[in-house]
C-alpha atoms as a PDB file:
ATOM      1  CA  MET A   1       0.015   0.031   0.014  1.00  0.00           C
ATOM      2  CA  THR A   2       1.508   3.349  -0.938  1.00  0.00           C
ATOM      3  CA  GLU A   3       1.829   6.184   1.324  1.00  0.00           C
ATOM      4  CA  GLU A   4      -0.766   8.319  -0.500  1.00  0.00           C
ATOM      5  CA  ARG A   5      -3.363   5.658   0.162  1.00  0.00           C
ATOM      6  CA  THR A   6      -2.655   5.313   3.968  1.00  0.00           C
ATOM      7  CA  ARG A   7      -4.747   8.351   4.911  1.00  0.00           C
ATOM      8  CA  TRP A   8      -6.338   6.904   7.995  1.00  0.00           C
ATOM      9  CA  LEU A   9      -5.582   5.253  11.407  1.00  0.00           C
ATOM     10  CA  LEU A  10      -8.048   2.872  12.809  1.00  0.00           C
ATOM     11  CA  LEU A  11      -8.274   1.770  16.512  1.00  0.00           C
ATOM     12  CA  ILE A  12     -10.238  -1.497  16.754  1.00  0.00           C
ATOM     13  CA  HIS A  13     -10.942  -2.644  20.366  1.00  0.00           C
ATOM     14  CA  GLN A  14     -12.864  -4.939  22.572  1.00  0.00           C
ATOM     15  CA  ILE A  15     -13.650  -3.797  26.164  1.00  0.00           C
ATOM     16  CA  PRO A  16     -14.817  -6.241  28.786  1.00  0.00           C
ATOM     17  CA  PRO A  17     -18.393  -5.447  30.072  1.00  0.00           C
ATOM     18  CA  LYS A  18     -17.015  -4.835  33.618  1.00  0.00           C
ATOM     19  CA  PRO A  19     -15.942  -2.395  35.053  1.00  0.00           C
ATOM     20  CA  ASP A  20     -18.473   0.012  33.486  1.00  0.00           C
ATOM     21  CA  TYR A  21     -16.181   2.964  34.095  1.00  0.00           C
ATOM     22  CA  LEU A  22     -13.606   1.834  31.502  1.00  0.00           C
ATOM     23  CA  ARG A  23     -16.019   2.031  28.468  1.00  0.00           C
ATOM     24  CA  VAL A  24     -16.897   5.539  29.585  1.00  0.00           C
ATOM     25  CA  LYS A  25     -13.365   6.495  30.049  1.00  0.00           C
ATOM     26  CA  VAL A  26     -12.429   5.233  26.742  1.00  0.00           C
ATOM     27  CA  TRP A  27     -15.253   6.957  25.006  1.00  0.00           C
ATOM     28  CA  ARG A  28     -14.396  10.278  26.693  1.00  0.00           C
ATOM     29  CA  ARG A  29     -10.730   9.887  25.585  1.00  0.00           C
ATOM     30  CA  MET A  30     -11.829   9.241  22.018  1.00  0.00           C
ATOM     31  CA  GLN A  31     -13.958  12.466  22.150  1.00  0.00           C
ATOM     32  CA  ARG A  32     -11.005  14.444  23.531  1.00  0.00           C
ATOM     33  CA  VAL A  33      -8.606  13.405  20.721  1.00  0.00           C
ATOM     34  CA  GLY A  34     -11.257  14.009  18.067  1.00  0.00           C
ATOM     35  CA  ALA A  35     -11.737  10.337  16.934  1.00  0.00           C
ATOM     36  CA  VAL A  36     -15.074   9.280  15.301  1.00  0.00           C
ATOM     37  CA  ALA A  37     -16.673   6.057  15.284  1.00  0.00           C
ATOM     38  CA  VAL A  38     -17.161   4.212  11.914  1.00  0.00           C
ATOM     39  CA  LYS A  39     -18.452   1.044  13.303  1.00  0.00           C
ATOM     40  CA  ASN A  40     -19.075  -0.403  16.834  1.00  0.00           C
ATOM     41  CA  SER A  41     -15.678  -0.414  18.571  1.00  0.00           C
ATOM     42  CA  VAL A  42     -13.888   1.032  15.503  1.00  0.00           C
ATOM     43  CA  TYR A  43     -12.617   4.547  15.679  1.00  0.00           C
ATOM     44  CA  VAL A  44     -10.775   6.623  13.012  1.00  0.00           C
ATOM     45  CA  LEU A  45      -8.291   9.468  13.042  1.00  0.00           C
ATOM     46  CA  PRO A  46      -6.380  11.039  10.155  1.00  0.00           C
ATOM     47  CA  LYS A  47      -2.877   9.522   9.940  1.00  0.00           C
ATOM     48  CA  HIS A  48      -0.298  11.769  11.668  1.00  0.00           C
ATOM     49  CA  GLU A  49       2.437  11.302  14.223  1.00  0.00           C
ATOM     50  CA  GLU A  50       0.306  12.995  16.828  1.00  0.00           C
ATOM     51  CA  THR A  51      -2.800  10.995  16.223  1.00  0.00           C
ATOM     52  CA  LEU A  52      -0.822   7.840  16.214  1.00  0.00           C
ATOM     53  CA  GLU A  53       0.419   8.760  19.624  1.00  0.00           C
ATOM     54  CA  ASP A  54      -3.094   9.548  20.926  1.00  0.00           C
ATOM     55  CA  PHE A  55      -4.250   6.173  19.778  1.00  0.00           C
ATOM     56  CA  GLN A  56      -1.357   4.438  21.356  1.00  0.00           C
ATOM     57  CA  TRP A  57      -2.079   5.981  24.763  1.00  0.00           C
ATOM     58  CA  ILE A  58      -5.797   4.939  24.465  1.00  0.00           C
ATOM     59  CA  LEU A  59      -4.917   1.345  23.458  1.00  0.00           C
ATOM     60  CA  ARG A  60      -2.542   1.136  26.361  1.00  0.00           C
ATOM     61  CA  GLU A  61      -5.334   2.157  28.776  1.00  0.00           C
ATOM     62  CA  ILE A  62      -7.746  -0.446  27.180  1.00  0.00           C
ATOM     63  CA  LYS A  63      -5.231  -3.207  27.647  1.00  0.00           C
ATOM     64  CA  GLU A  64      -4.453  -2.134  31.251  1.00  0.00           C
ATOM     65  CA  GLY A  65      -8.210  -2.387  31.834  1.00  0.00           C
ATOM     66  CA  GLY A  66      -8.379  -5.910  30.618  1.00  0.00           C
ATOM     67  CA  GLY A  67      -9.469  -5.152  27.058  1.00  0.00           C
ATOM     68  CA  GLU A  68      -7.787  -5.942  23.677  1.00  0.00           C
ATOM     69  CA  GLY A  69      -7.285  -3.806  20.668  1.00  0.00           C
ATOM     70  CA  SER A  70      -4.977  -2.893  17.722  1.00  0.00           C
ATOM     71  CA  ILE A  71      -4.035   0.076  15.618  1.00  0.00           C
ATOM     72  CA  CYS A  72      -3.791  -0.219  11.890  1.00  0.00           C
ATOM     73  CA  GLU A  73      -3.232   2.085   8.813  1.00  0.00           C
ATOM     74  CA  ALA A  74      -6.034   2.146   6.182  1.00  0.00           C
ATOM     75  CA  GLY A  75      -6.216   3.819   2.730  1.00  0.00           C
ATOM     76  CA  PHE A  76     -10.000   3.471   3.007  1.00  0.00           C
ATOM     77  CA  VAL A  77     -12.698   2.620   5.441  1.00  0.00           C
ATOM     78  CA  ASP A  78     -14.854  -0.294   4.280  1.00  0.00           C
ATOM     79  CA  GLY A  79     -18.088   1.056   3.013  1.00  0.00           C
ATOM     80  CA  LEU A  80     -17.169   4.677   3.216  1.00  0.00           C
ATOM     81  CA  SER A  81     -15.114   6.855   0.772  1.00  0.00           C
ATOM     82  CA  ASP A  82     -12.558   9.343   1.933  1.00  0.00           C
ATOM     83  CA  PRO A  83     -15.122  12.212   1.565  1.00  0.00           C
ATOM     84  CA  ASP A  84     -17.552  10.300   3.578  1.00  0.00           C
ATOM     85  CA  VAL A  85     -15.140   9.936   6.496  1.00  0.00           C
ATOM     86  CA  GLU A  86     -14.157  13.668   6.348  1.00  0.00           C
ATOM     87  CA  GLY A  87     -17.744  14.303   6.516  1.00  0.00           C
ATOM     88  CA  LEU A  88     -18.010  12.431   9.753  1.00  0.00           C
ATOM     89  CA  PHE A  89     -15.152  14.606  11.255  1.00  0.00           C
ATOM     90  CA  ARG A  90     -16.829  17.814   9.985  1.00  0.00           C
ATOM     91  CA  SER A  91     -20.187  16.827  11.461  1.00  0.00           C
ATOM     92  CA  ALA A  92     -18.608  15.999  14.743  1.00  0.00           C
ATOM     93  CA  ARG A  93     -16.786  19.191  15.007  1.00  0.00           C
ATOM     94  CA  ASP A  94     -19.745  21.348  13.738  1.00  0.00           C
ATOM     95  CA  ALA A  95     -21.808  19.958  16.694  1.00  0.00           C
ATOM     96  CA  ASP A  96     -18.902  20.952  19.011  1.00  0.00           C
ATOM     97  CA  TYR A  97     -18.853  24.565  17.489  1.00  0.00           C
ATOM     98  CA  SER A  98     -22.682  24.716  17.579  1.00  0.00           C
ATOM     99  CA  ALA A  99     -22.612  24.190  21.234  1.00  0.00           C
ATOM    100  CA  ILE A 100     -20.047  26.983  21.731  1.00  0.00           C
ATOM    101  CA  THR A 101     -21.993  29.296  19.527  1.00  0.00           C
ATOM    102  CA  GLU A 102     -25.144  28.643  21.549  1.00  0.00           C
ATOM    103  CA  GLY A 103     -23.225  29.233  24.801  1.00  0.00           C
ATOM    104  CA  ALA A 104     -21.795  32.538  23.449  1.00  0.00           C
ATOM    105  CA  ARG A 105     -25.210  33.784  22.335  1.00  0.00           C
ATOM    106  CA  ALA A 106     -26.502  33.082  25.811  1.00  0.00           C
ATOM    107  CA  LEU A 107     -23.888  35.058  27.297  1.00  0.00           C
ATOM    108  CA  GLN A 108     -24.508  37.810  24.809  1.00  0.00           C
ATOM    109  CA  ARG A 109     -28.033  38.131  26.019  1.00  0.00           C
ATOM    110  CA  SER A 110     -26.706  38.584  29.664  1.00  0.00           C
ATOM    111  CA  LEU A 111     -24.849  41.596  28.680  1.00  0.00           C
ATOM    112  CA  PRO A 112     -26.520  45.028  29.475  1.00  0.00           C
ATOM    113  CA  ALA A 113     -27.730  47.385  26.750  1.00  0.00           C
ATOM    114  CA  PRO A 114     -25.190  49.676  25.232  1.00  0.00           C
ATOM    115  CA  GLY A 115     -24.512  52.557  27.494  1.00  0.00           C
ATOM    116  CA  ARG A 116     -25.362  50.852  30.701  1.00  0.00           C
ATOM    117  CA  LYS A 117     -22.683  49.915  33.130  1.00  0.00           C
ATOM    118  CA  LEU A 118     -21.814  46.246  33.738  1.00  0.00           C
ATOM    119  CA  GLU A 119     -21.957  45.326  37.537  1.00  0.00           C
ATOM    120  CA  LEU A 120     -18.551  44.056  38.949  1.00  0.00           C
ATOM    121  CA  GLU A 121     -20.113  40.745  40.110  1.00  0.00           C
ATOM    122  CA  LEU A 122     -21.806  40.207  36.787  1.00  0.00           C
ATOM    123  CA  ARG A 123     -18.604  41.190  34.884  1.00  0.00           C
ATOM    124  CA  ALA A 124     -16.411  38.740  36.903  1.00  0.00           C
ATOM    125  CA  GLN A 125     -18.943  35.926  36.205  1.00  0.00           C
ATOM    126  CA  LEU A 126     -19.022  36.676  32.494  1.00  0.00           C
ATOM    127  CA  GLU A 127     -15.391  36.960  32.065  1.00  0.00           C
ATOM    128  CA  ALA A 128     -14.923  33.443  33.727  1.00  0.00           C
ATOM    129  CA  ASP A 129     -17.608  32.131  31.442  1.00  0.00           C
ATOM    130  CA  VAL A 130     -15.987  33.575  28.308  1.00  0.00           C
ATOM    131  CA  ARG A 131     -12.603  32.180  29.376  1.00  0.00           C
ATOM    132  CA  ARG A 132     -14.220  28.663  29.589  1.00  0.00           C
ATOM    133  CA  LEU A 133     -15.676  29.186  26.212  1.00  0.00           C
ATOM    134  CA  ARG A 134     -12.408  30.335  24.725  1.00  0.00           C
ATOM    135  CA  LYS A 135     -10.665  27.166  26.286  1.00  0.00           C
ATOM    136  CA  ARG A 136     -13.260  24.858  24.872  1.00  0.00           C
ATOM    137  CA  LEU A 137     -12.945  26.600  21.495  1.00  0.00           C
ATOM    138  CA  GLU A 138      -9.195  26.039  21.416  1.00  0.00           C
ATOM    139  CA  GLU A 139      -9.670  22.444  22.387  1.00  0.00           C
ATOM    140  CA  VAL A 140     -12.166  21.920  19.533  1.00  0.00           C
ATOM    141  CA  VAL A 141      -9.860  23.838  16.952  1.00  0.00           C
ATOM    142  CA  ALA A 142      -6.970  21.501  17.995  1.00  0.00           C
ATOM    143  CA  ILE A 143      -9.057  18.504  16.670  1.00  0.00           C
ATOM    144  CA  ASP A 144     -10.692  20.197  13.762  1.00  0.00           C
ATOM    145  CA  PHE A 145      -8.768  18.200  11.196  1.00  0.00           C
ATOM    146  CA  PHE A 146     -10.791  19.121   8.091  1.00  0.00           C
ATOM    147  CA  ASP A 147     -11.549  22.832   8.790  1.00  0.00           C
ATOM    148  CA  SER A 148     -15.298  22.764   9.730  1.00  0.00           C
ATOM    149  CA  LEU A 149     -17.367  25.819   8.661  1.00  0.00           C
ATOM    150  CA  GLY A 150     -18.751  26.173  12.230  1.00  0.00           C
ATOM    151  CA  ARG A 151     -15.439  27.313  13.460  1.00  0.00           C
ATOM    152  CA  GLN A 152     -15.791  30.798  11.972  1.00  0.00           C
ATOM    153  CA  SER A 153     -19.037  31.533  13.732  1.00  0.00           C
ATOM    154  CA  ALA A 154     -17.859  30.225  17.052  1.00  0.00           C
ATOM    155  CA  GLU A 155     -14.592  32.114  16.821  1.00  0.00           C
ATOM    156  CA  GLY A 156     -16.386  35.421  15.850  1.00  0.00           C
ATOM    157  CA  LEU A 157     -18.944  35.230  18.684  1.00  0.00           C
ATOM    158  CA  VAL A 158     -16.403  34.385  21.407  1.00  0.00           C
ATOM    159  CA  GLY A 159     -14.142  37.131  20.090  1.00  0.00           C
ATOM    160  CA  SER A 160     -17.055  39.511  20.182  1.00  0.00           C
ATOM    161  CA  LEU A 161     -17.669  38.801  23.849  1.00  0.00           C
ATOM    162  CA  GLU A 162     -14.104  39.240  24.669  1.00  0.00           C
ATOM    163  CA  SER A 163     -14.006  42.646  22.784  1.00  0.00           C
ATOM    164  CA  GLN A 164     -17.205  43.758  24.556  1.00  0.00           C
ATOM    165  CA  LEU A 165     -15.815  42.875  28.030  1.00  0.00           C
ATOM    166  CA  ASP A 166     -12.427  44.343  27.266  1.00  0.00           C
ATOM    167  CA  PRO A 167     -12.642  46.883  24.385  1.00  0.00           C
ATOM    168  CA  GLU A 168      -9.261  48.333  24.770  1.00  0.00           C
ATOM    169  CA  SER A 169      -7.599  44.837  24.222  1.00  0.00           C
ATOM    170  CA  SER A 170      -8.172  45.197  20.477  1.00  0.00           C
ATOM    171  CA  THR A 171      -7.069  48.848  20.039  1.00  0.00           C
ATOM    172  CA  GLU A 172      -3.585  47.915  18.668  1.00  0.00           C
ATOM    173  CA  ARG A 173      -5.117  45.138  16.455  1.00  0.00           C
ATOM    174  CA  ASN A 174      -7.606  47.586  14.971  1.00  0.00           C
ATOM    175  CA  ALA A 175      -5.002  50.202  13.931  1.00  0.00           C
ATOM    176  CA  ASP A 176      -5.317  51.384  10.344  1.00  0.00           C
ATOM    177  CA  GLN A 177      -2.982  49.629   7.873  1.00  0.00           C
ATOM    178  CA  ARG A 178      -1.008  51.470   5.180  1.00  0.00           C
ATOM    179  CA  THR A 179      -1.578  49.839   1.670  1.00  0.00           C
ATOM    180  CA  SER A 180       1.910  50.463   0.448  1.00  0.00           C
ATOM    181  CA  GLU A 181       3.421  48.226   3.149  1.00  0.00           C
ATOM    182  CA  TYR A 182       1.477  45.156   1.781  1.00  0.00           C
ATOM    183  CA  ARG A 183       2.316  45.195  -1.846  1.00  0.00           C
ATOM    184  CA  GLY A 184       4.129  42.374  -3.693  1.00  0.00           C
ATOM    185  CA  ARG A 185       3.631  39.980  -0.755  1.00  0.00           C
ATOM    186  CA  VAL A 186       2.675  36.332  -0.352  1.00  0.00           C
ATOM    187  CA  TRP A 187      -0.775  35.973   1.379  1.00  0.00           C
ATOM    188  CA  VAL A 188      -1.265  32.644   3.212  1.00  0.00           C
ATOM    189  CA  THR A 189      -4.550  31.153   4.148  1.00  0.00           C
ATOM    190  CA  ARG A 190      -6.117  27.794   4.777  1.00  0.00           C
ATOM    191  CA  ARG A 191      -6.911  25.233   1.888  1.00  0.00           C
ATOM    192  CA  GLY A 192     -10.434  24.596   0.752  1.00  0.00           C
ATOM    193  CA  ILE A 193     -11.324  28.295   0.593  1.00  0.00           C
ATOM    194  CA  HIS A 194     -14.970  29.252   1.205  1.00  0.00           C
ATOM    195  CA  VAL A 195     -16.696  32.526   1.080  1.00  0.00           C
ATOM    196  CA  ASP A 196     -14.813  34.681   3.462  1.00  0.00           C
ATOM    197  CA  ARG A 197     -11.358  33.633   2.205  1.00  0.00           C
ATOM    198  CA  MET A 198     -12.654  33.944  -1.385  1.00  0.00           C
ATOM    199  CA  ALA A 199     -13.793  37.452  -0.912  1.00  0.00           C
ATOM    200  CA  SER A 200     -10.787  38.476   1.139  1.00  0.00           C
ATOM    201  CA  ALA A 201      -8.405  37.201  -1.485  1.00  0.00           C
ATOM    202  CA  TRP A 202     -10.417  39.041  -4.109  1.00  0.00           C
ATOM    203  CA  LEU A 203     -10.437  42.313  -2.217  1.00  0.00           C
ATOM    204  CA  LEU A 204      -6.668  42.032  -1.425  1.00  0.00           C
ATOM    205  CA  ARG A 205      -5.734  41.613  -5.094  1.00  0.00           C
ATOM    206  CA  ARG A 206      -8.084  44.140  -6.475  1.00  0.00           C
ATOM    207  CA  PHE A 207      -7.616  46.968  -3.911  1.00  0.00           C
ATOM    208  CA  VAL A 208      -4.532  46.318  -1.649  1.00  0.00           C
ATOM    209  CA  ASP A 209      -2.018  44.404  -3.556  1.00  0.00           C
ATOM    210  CA  PRO A 210      -2.526  43.891  -7.434  1.00  0.00           C
ATOM    211  CA  GLU A 211       0.502  41.612  -7.489  1.00  0.00           C
ATOM    212  CA  ALA A 212      -0.525  39.441  -4.632  1.00  0.00           C
ATOM    213  CA  LYS A 213       0.412  35.856  -4.561  1.00  0.00           C
ATOM    214  CA  PHE A 214      -1.696  33.315  -2.578  1.00  0.00           C
ATOM    215  CA  LYS A 215      -0.518  30.195  -0.902  1.00  0.00           C
ATOM    216  CA  PHE A 216      -3.087  27.731   0.427  1.00  0.00           C
ATOM    217  CA  VAL A 217      -1.909  25.532   3.322  1.00  0.00           C
ATOM    218  CA  PRO A 218      -3.116  23.100   5.831  1.00  0.00           C
ATOM    219  CA  ALA A 219      -5.256  24.508   8.667  1.00  0.00           C
ATOM    220  CA  ARG A 220      -2.968  22.880  11.324  1.00  0.00           C
ATOM    221  CA  GLY A 221       0.708  23.083  11.895  1.00  0.00           C
ATOM    222  CA  TYR A 222       1.773  25.518   9.205  1.00  0.00           C
ATOM    223  CA  ARG A 223       4.734  27.695  10.052  1.00  0.00           C
ATOM    224  CA  PRO A 224       4.776  30.973   8.087  1.00  0.00           C
ATOM    225  CA  GLU A 225       7.954  31.872   6.081  1.00  0.00           C
ATOM    226  CA  LYS A 226       9.580  35.276   6.344  1.00  0.00           C
ATOM    227  CA  GLY A 227       7.495  38.078   4.809  1.00  0.00           C
ATOM    228  CA  GLU A 228       4.342  35.980   4.447  1.00  0.00           C
ATOM    229  CA  ILE A 229       1.045  37.516   5.644  1.00  0.00           C
ATOM    230  CA  ARG A 230      -1.626  35.080   6.995  1.00  0.00           C
ATOM    231  CA  PHE A 231      -5.351  35.802   6.704  1.00  0.00           C
ATOM    232  CA  ASP A 232      -8.510  34.033   7.892  1.00  0.00           C
ATOM    233  CA  MET A 233      -6.636  31.333   9.813  1.00  0.00           C
ATOM    234  CA  PHE A 234      -5.454  30.768  13.462  1.00  0.00           C
ATOM    235  CA  GLU A 235      -3.090  33.456  14.680  1.00  0.00           C
ATOM    236  CA  ALA A 236      -3.351  35.313  11.387  1.00  0.00           C
ATOM    237  CA  ASP A 237      -2.408  38.887  10.748  1.00  0.00           C
ATOM    238  CA  PHE A 238      -5.881  39.461   9.553  1.00  0.00           C
ATOM    239  CA  THR A 239      -8.772  37.334  10.647  1.00  0.00           C
ATOM    240  CA  HIS A 240     -12.107  37.406  12.589  1.00  0.00           C
ATOM    241  CA  GLU A 241     -12.335  40.150  15.179  1.00  0.00           C
ATOM    242  CA  GLY A 242     -15.348  40.267  17.433  1.00  0.00           C
ATOM    243  CA  ASP A 243     -18.362  39.441  15.404  1.00  0.00           C
ATOM    244  CA  ARG A 244     -16.795  40.540  12.269  1.00  0.00           C
ATOM    245  CA  CYS A 245     -15.609  38.226   9.497  1.00  0.00           C
ATOM    246  CA  THR A 246     -12.163  38.605   7.912  1.00  0.00           C
ATOM    247  CA  LEU A 247     -13.454  40.588   4.977  1.00  0.00           C
ATOM    248  CA  GLU A 248     -14.995  43.181   7.305  1.00  0.00           C
ATOM    249  CA  VAL A 249     -11.687  43.370   9.233  1.00  0.00           C
ATOM    250  CA  LEU A 250      -9.769  44.090   6.035  1.00  0.00           C
ATOM    251  CA  LEU A 251     -12.255  46.775   4.978  1.00  0.00           C
ATOM    252  CA  GLN A 252     -11.805  48.638   8.249  1.00  0.00           C
ATOM    253  CA  ARG A 253      -8.047  48.245   8.611  1.00  0.00           C
ATOM    254  CA  PHE A 254      -7.237  49.362   5.004  1.00  0.00           C
ATOM    255  CA  LYS A 255      -9.968  51.981   5.123  1.00  0.00           C
ATOM    256  CA  LEU A 256     -11.940  50.476   2.172  1.00  0.00           C
ATOM    257  CA  ASP A 257     -15.459  50.701   3.680  1.00  0.00           C
ATOM    258  CA  THR A 258     -17.066  52.240   0.506  1.00  0.00           C
ATOM    259  CA  THR A 259     -20.734  52.276  -0.508  1.00  0.00           C
ATOM    260  CA  ALA A 260     -20.099  49.414  -3.045  1.00  0.00           C
ATOM    261  CA  LEU A 261     -17.973  47.239  -0.844  1.00  0.00           C
ATOM    262  CA  ARG A 262     -20.045  47.441   2.325  1.00  0.00           C
ATOM    263  CA  PRO A 263     -23.010  45.437   0.931  1.00  0.00           C
ATOM    264  CA  ILE A 264     -20.696  42.724  -0.223  1.00  0.00           C
ATOM    265  CA  ALA A 265     -19.105  42.516   3.250  1.00  0.00           C
ATOM    266  CA  GLU A 266     -22.635  42.212   4.657  1.00  0.00           C
ATOM    267  CA  ILE A 267     -23.448  39.339   2.352  1.00  0.00           C
ATOM    268  CA  VAL A 268     -20.141  37.537   3.119  1.00  0.00           C
ATOM    269  CA  HIS A 269     -20.826  37.992   6.863  1.00  0.00           C
ATOM    270  CA  ASP A 270     -24.138  36.397   6.765  1.00  0.00           C
ATOM    271  CA  ILE A 271     -23.012  33.466   4.661  1.00  0.00           C
ATOM    272  CA  ASP A 272     -19.879  32.929   6.780  1.00  0.00           C
ATOM    273  CA  LEU A 273     -21.277  33.476  10.289  1.00  0.00           C
ATOM    274  CA  LYS A 274     -24.775  32.230   9.564  1.00  0.00           C
ATOM    275  CA  ASP A 275     -26.302  34.724  11.880  1.00  0.00           C
ATOM    276  CA  SER A 276     -28.629  36.730   9.510  1.00  0.00           C
ATOM    277  CA  LYS A 277     -27.231  40.019  10.984  1.00  0.00           C
ATOM    278  CA  PHE A 278     -27.773  41.947   7.828  1.00  0.00           C
ATOM    279  CA  GLY A 279     -30.382  39.980   6.042  1.00  0.00           C
ATOM    280  CA  ARG A 280     -29.589  41.346   2.467  1.00  0.00           C
ATOM    281  CA  PRO A 281     -31.874  39.913  -0.241  1.00  0.00           C
ATOM    282  CA  GLU A 282     -28.967  38.999  -2.369  1.00  0.00           C
ATOM    283  CA  THR A 283     -27.354  36.647   0.241  1.00  0.00           C
ATOM    284  CA  ALA A 284     -29.323  33.370  -0.621  1.00  0.00           C
ATOM    285  CA  GLY A 285     -28.295  33.521  -4.326  1.00  0.00           C
ATOM    286  CA  ILE A 286     -24.652  34.432  -3.783  1.00  0.00           C
ATOM    287  CA  GLU A 287     -24.469  31.585  -1.205  1.00  0.00           C
ATOM    288  CA  ARG A 288     -25.970  29.127  -3.792  1.00  0.00           C
ATOM    289  CA  LEU A 289     -23.227  30.333  -6.248  1.00  0.00           C
ATOM    290  CA  ILE A 290     -20.496  29.886  -3.646  1.00  0.00           C
ATOM    291  CA  THR A 291     -21.679  26.391  -2.968  1.00  0.00           C
ATOM    292  CA  GLY A 292     -21.570  25.614  -6.700  1.00  0.00           C
ATOM    293  CA  ILE A 293     -18.108  26.830  -7.016  1.00  0.00           C
ATOM    294  CA  CYS A 294     -16.896  24.727  -4.226  1.00  0.00           C
ATOM    295  CA  GLY A 295     -18.740  21.837  -5.327  1.00  0.00           C
ATOM    296  CA  VAL A 296     -17.402  21.900  -8.935  1.00  0.00           C
ATOM    297  CA  HIS A 297     -13.854  23.109  -8.220  1.00  0.00           C
ATOM    298  CA  LYS A 298     -11.568  21.445  -5.692  1.00  0.00           C
ATOM    299  CA  ASP A 299      -8.461  23.410  -6.586  1.00  0.00           C
ATOM    300  CA  ASP A 300      -8.225  26.598  -4.612  1.00  0.00           C
ATOM    301  CA  GLU A 301      -6.708  28.690  -7.524  1.00  0.00           C
ATOM    302  CA  ALA A 302      -9.791  27.727  -9.598  1.00  0.00           C
ATOM    303  CA  ARG A 303     -12.260  28.559  -6.738  1.00  0.00           C
ATOM    304  CA  LEU A 304     -10.484  31.856  -6.415  1.00  0.00           C
ATOM    305  CA  ALA A 305     -10.639  32.586 -10.134  1.00  0.00           C
ATOM    306  CA  ARG A 306     -14.329  31.932 -10.267  1.00  0.00           C
ATOM    307  CA  ALA A 307     -15.247  33.647  -7.163  1.00  0.00           C
ATOM    308  CA  SER A 308     -13.162  36.730  -8.208  1.00  0.00           C
ATOM    309  CA  ALA A 309     -15.200  37.121 -11.348  1.00  0.00           C
ATOM    310  CA  LEU A 310     -18.432  36.796  -9.250  1.00  0.00           C
ATOM    311  CA  PHE A 311     -17.274  39.571  -6.747  1.00  0.00           C
ATOM    312  CA  ASP A 312     -16.064  41.670  -9.660  1.00  0.00           C
ATOM    313  CA  ASP A 313     -19.530  41.553 -11.050  1.00  0.00           C
ATOM    314  CA  LEU A 314     -21.278  42.170  -7.776  1.00  0.00           C
ATOM    315  CA  TYR A 315     -19.022  45.090  -6.998  1.00  0.00           C
ATOM    316  CA  GLY A 316     -19.907  46.571 -10.378  1.00  0.00           C
ATOM    317  CA  SER A 317     -23.549  46.019  -9.740  1.00  0.00           C
ATOM    318  CA  PHE A 318     -23.389  47.901  -6.244  1.00  0.00           C
ATOM    319  CA  THR A 319     -21.190  50.651  -7.876  1.00  0.00           C
ATOM    320  CA  ARG A 320     -23.785  51.387 -10.484  1.00  0.00           C
ATOM    321  CA  ARG A 321     -26.519  51.534  -7.818  1.00  0.00           C
ATOM    322  CA  SER A 322     -24.641  54.063  -5.811  1.00  0.00           C
ATOM    323  CA  HIS A 323     -24.560  56.453  -8.734  1.00  0.00           C
END
């Protein structure tokens, strides 16, 4: 079996019926490392050194508890295609992100109306709750092997809570950027670009850096090279801030919030964060087109080319409306 075909690690185990706690312990460990079940007592992880070590520790615990098991490499999982297995991981992480999103929205409702002072006791409780949400978000991001879409909404909402509780913390981050400093650069983002990365790359090449080159890298473990600028990814130079998507952040920091660009940002925001904040009538149609681009084109350069044509035309439409 070639290296290209061995994409997965399987842990196949048998756990004795007693003691009961061992089965629960193993299940919780599987959840913590991000493994998903493909059959009864068969769990899968993407093949990496770190995931192999995770499975080895779990297998050791199973054997110490009187159970049996084995770890094997697989280029496919019987009855499932690679995209099917990736879908299992995305569904699991989307459920995790959804729980974080719901928790963030519940805390958002606890905040006083703008202009009203937040009592010290309530502030302390909210700050502790937000710290717990941030910790949980970081745990989920660490096992989000296939860049689930729910991550953006969760990060945006948690970031928004942090900004509202400590608005001065983002002052330096929100400083205006000078366009001239960002020309002729390499812009790095996650593979499998979707609406926010598509629109951000289009904006950068059209309004900030006409000679921009883009590099699409894995969501996990990438170390930027000297001079590269990251966007819409973990610890990026430009990414979600508060409840704003990356495109909105770029508009603000490069002072590009024009009459024609603002509605595009609102459309992208609602598709990306799925919060219906702006409710523009064009959103559903643009979302359908973006879904079509992603479905037909797997290559990121092809996706960017198709999306750039779409956003060029959309920008032209809003420009004509403003005159």
